[in-house]
């Protein structure tokens, strides 16, 4: 009898987990839209963290970069400007952020970083989605303002921030 009760409880918990994971898809769509600067298309039932307090940021000390284990693609445009970067789209290496891979593509126009596209980021857990919903737009805005990969990390998203910075640094090195 105990085995039967245990089995039924296990099945119920597994079903609840699967249902909860399927409910996370609208939140994922919301993050993708926010990172690309597009209006969100997720239904209003998607959880929102925009009303919460802003996370603190800390300065990341410059350190030697580790060799990337993934290949990076490059799309270059022939024109060069005097502002430091070659125009084009530059893809940084995919960097392991412990909970998933982070990969950034920098789009340079007029010798300046115009846009960042987050190609990959940890998004398979609700916690990762919640963290990245706040951290990735902050990192994107800091990079656009600083025009370099030497930006602050976001507290509470240290691993993602460090992987973001390493991938972006690889992309911007290609743009020089």
Protein backbone atom coordinates (compact mmCIF):
# COMPACT_ATOMS: atom_id res chain seq x y z
CA UNK A 1 0.00 0.00 0.00
CA UNK A 2 2.85 2.38 0.84
CA UNK A 3 4.43 1.76 -2.57
CA UNK A 4 1.16 2.59 -4.32
CA UNK A 5 0.78 5.87 -2.40
CA UNK A 6 4.40 6.76 -3.06
CA UNK A 7 4.02 6.00 -6.78
CA UNK A 8 0.87 8.14 -7.05
CA UNK A 9 2.59 11.03 -5.24
CA UNK A 10 5.59 10.76 -7.54
CA UNK A 11 3.38 10.82 -10.62
CA UNK A 12 1.46 13.84 -9.30
CA UNK A 13 4.65 15.77 -8.54
CA UNK A 14 6.10 14.92 -11.96
CA UNK A 15 2.92 16.07 -13.70
CA UNK A 16 2.95 19.34 -11.72
CA UNK A 17 6.57 19.96 -12.70
CA UNK A 18 5.85 19.36 -16.40
CA UNK A 19 2.82 21.66 -16.26
CA UNK A 20 4.86 24.39 -14.54
CA UNK A 21 7.60 24.14 -17.18
CA UNK A 22 5.06 24.49 -19.99
CA UNK A 23 3.73 27.63 -18.30
CA UNK A 24 7.21 29.23 -18.49
CA UNK A 25 7.10 29.59 -22.30
CA UNK A 26 5.25 32.98 -22.29
CA UNK A 27 7.84 34.39 -19.90
CA UNK A 28 10.59 33.23 -22.25
CA UNK A 29 8.89 35.05 -25.14
CA UNK A 30 8.73 38.20 -23.00
CA UNK A 31 12.47 38.05 -22.26
CA UNK A 32 13.37 37.52 -25.91
CA UNK A 33 11.25 40.51 -26.96
CA UNK A 34 12.73 42.77 -24.26
CA UNK A 35 16.31 41.85 -25.15
CA UNK A 36 15.74 42.61 -28.81
CA UNK A 37 14.03 45.91 -27.98
CA UNK A 38 10.70 44.76 -29.41
CA UNK A 39 7.32 45.13 -27.73
CA UNK A 40 6.48 42.11 -25.63
CA UNK A 41 3.96 39.70 -27.12
CA UNK A 42 3.52 37.47 -24.10
CA UNK A 43 0.06 37.29 -22.54
CA UNK A 44 -0.59 39.34 -19.42
CA UNK A 45 -0.59 36.15 -17.33
CA UNK A 46 3.19 35.95 -17.73
CA UNK A 47 4.98 36.80 -14.49
CA UNK A 48 6.55 40.24 -14.40
CA UNK A 49 9.48 41.43 -12.34
CA UNK A 50 9.51 44.99 -13.64
CA UNK A 51 7.97 46.35 -10.44
CA UNK A 52 10.76 45.03 -8.24
CA UNK A 53 13.70 47.07 -7.02
CA UNK A 54 16.65 47.50 -9.33
CA UNK A 55 19.54 45.15 -8.65
CA UNK A 56 22.85 46.55 -7.47
CA UNK A 57 25.83 46.55 -9.80
CA UNK A 58 29.49 46.06 -8.99
CA UNK A 59 32.67 46.69 -10.98
CA UNK A 60 34.23 43.57 -12.48
CA UNK A 61 37.99 43.55 -12.17
CA UNK A 62 39.78 42.93 -15.44
CA UNK A 63 41.26 39.47 -15.59
CA UNK A 64 42.94 37.27 -18.15
CA UNK A 65 40.43 35.78 -20.52
CA UNK A 66 40.11 32.03 -20.71
CA UNK A 67 40.28 30.35 -24.11
CA UNK A 68 36.88 29.74 -25.62
CA UNK A 69 35.81 26.17 -26.20
CA UNK A 70 33.32 27.09 -28.91
CA UNK A 71 33.94 28.66 -32.29
CA UNK A 72 32.82 32.20 -33.02
CA UNK A 73 31.37 33.33 -36.33
CA UNK A 74 32.18 36.66 -37.92
CA UNK A 75 30.38 38.72 -40.54
CA UNK A 76 32.49 41.72 -41.60
CA UNK A 77 31.67 44.67 -43.79
CA UNK A 78 34.53 46.14 -45.81
CA UNK A 79 34.19 49.74 -44.63
CA UNK A 80 36.11 50.99 -41.61
CA UNK A 81 35.59 54.15 -39.62
CA UNK A 82 37.85 56.20 -37.37
CA UNK A 83 35.82 55.55 -34.21
CA UNK A 84 37.52 52.26 -33.32
CA UNK A 85 35.36 49.43 -34.62
CA UNK A 86 34.83 47.99 -38.10
CA UNK A 87 31.18 48.00 -39.16
CA UNK A 88 29.46 44.63 -39.22
CA UNK A 89 28.02 41.91 -37.02
CA UNK A 90 30.48 40.11 -34.75
CA UNK A 91 29.60 36.97 -32.80
CA UNK A 92 31.46 36.26 -29.57
CA UNK A 93 32.33 32.82 -28.26
CA UNK A 94 29.70 30.76 -26.46
CA UNK A 95 30.68 30.93 -22.77
CA UNK A 96 29.52 28.55 -20.06
CA UNK A 97 27.68 30.42 -17.29
CA UNK A 98 27.23 27.25 -15.17
CA UNK A 99 23.44 27.17 -15.66
CA UNK A 100 23.70 27.50 -19.43
CA UNK A 101 25.57 29.03 -22.33
CA UNK A 102 25.75 32.79 -23.00
CA UNK A 103 26.62 34.03 -26.49
CA UNK A 104 26.46 37.64 -27.67
CA UNK A 105 26.47 39.21 -31.12
CA UNK A 106 27.52 42.87 -31.40
CA UNK A 107 26.28 44.92 -34.36
CA UNK A 108 28.59 47.83 -35.16
CA UNK A 109 27.37 50.74 -37.29
CA UNK A 110 29.34 53.91 -37.89
CA UNK A 111 32.22 52.58 -35.81
CA UNK A 112 30.03 52.33 -32.68
CA UNK A 113 28.23 49.43 -31.01
CA UNK A 114 24.66 49.98 -32.19
CA UNK A 115 22.92 46.81 -30.98
CA UNK A 116 23.56 43.65 -29.06
CA UNK A 117 21.78 40.41 -29.77
CA UNK A 118 21.76 37.70 -27.12
CA UNK A 119 22.03 34.49 -29.14
CA UNK A 120 22.07 32.10 -26.18
CA UNK A 121 21.44 32.47 -22.46
CA UNK A 122 20.30 30.27 -19.56
CA UNK A 123 16.53 29.94 -19.86
CA UNK A 124 15.50 26.42 -18.89
CA UNK A 125 14.56 27.24 -15.27
CA UNK A 126 12.13 29.80 -13.85
CA UNK A 127 14.96 31.22 -11.73
CA UNK A 128 17.18 31.70 -14.79
CA UNK A 129 14.32 33.41 -16.63
CA UNK A 130 13.69 35.76 -13.70
CA UNK A 131 17.38 36.62 -13.33
CA UNK A 132 17.94 37.19 -17.05
CA UNK A 133 14.79 39.27 -17.43
CA UNK A 134 16.48 41.87 -15.23
CA UNK A 135 20.20 41.36 -15.85
CA UNK A 136 20.49 41.13 -19.64
CA UNK A 137 18.78 44.45 -20.46
CA UNK A 138 20.92 46.19 -17.82
CA UNK A 139 24.10 44.71 -19.30
CA UNK A 140 22.99 45.61 -22.84
CA UNK A 141 22.31 49.24 -21.85
CA UNK A 142 25.65 49.56 -20.05
CA UNK A 143 27.57 48.24 -23.06
CA UNK A 144 25.81 50.61 -25.46
CA UNK A 145 26.61 53.54 -23.15
CA UNK A 146 30.24 52.50 -22.50
CA UNK A 147 30.96 51.27 -26.05
CA UNK A 148 33.13 48.51 -24.58
CA UNK A 149 32.94 45.25 -22.67
CA UNK A 150 34.33 46.88 -19.52
CA UNK A 151 31.02 47.29 -17.72
CA UNK A 152 29.61 46.54 -14.29
CA UNK A 153 28.29 43.10 -13.42
CA UNK A 154 24.77 42.77 -12.04
CA UNK A 155 24.52 41.45 -8.49
CA UNK A 156 22.44 38.31 -8.32
CA UNK A 157 23.49 37.48 -11.89
CA UNK A 158 27.23 37.25 -11.45
CA UNK A 159 27.82 34.13 -13.54
CA UNK A 160 25.59 35.33 -16.37
CA UNK A 161 27.22 38.79 -16.25
CA UNK A 162 30.73 37.37 -16.41
CA UNK A 163 29.83 35.07 -19.31
CA UNK A 164 28.07 37.98 -21.09
CA UNK A 165 31.17 40.16 -20.70
CA UNK A 166 33.54 37.41 -21.91
CA UNK A 167 31.43 36.67 -24.99
CA UNK A 168 31.00 40.37 -25.77
CA UNK A 169 34.74 40.96 -25.33
CA UNK A 170 35.42 38.25 -27.93
CA UNK A 171 32.99 39.88 -30.35
CA UNK A 172 34.46 43.37 -29.85
CA UNK A 173 38.03 42.08 -30.30
CA UNK A 174 36.98 40.87 -33.74
CA UNK A 175 35.55 44.34 -34.49
CA UNK A 176 38.91 46.07 -33.84
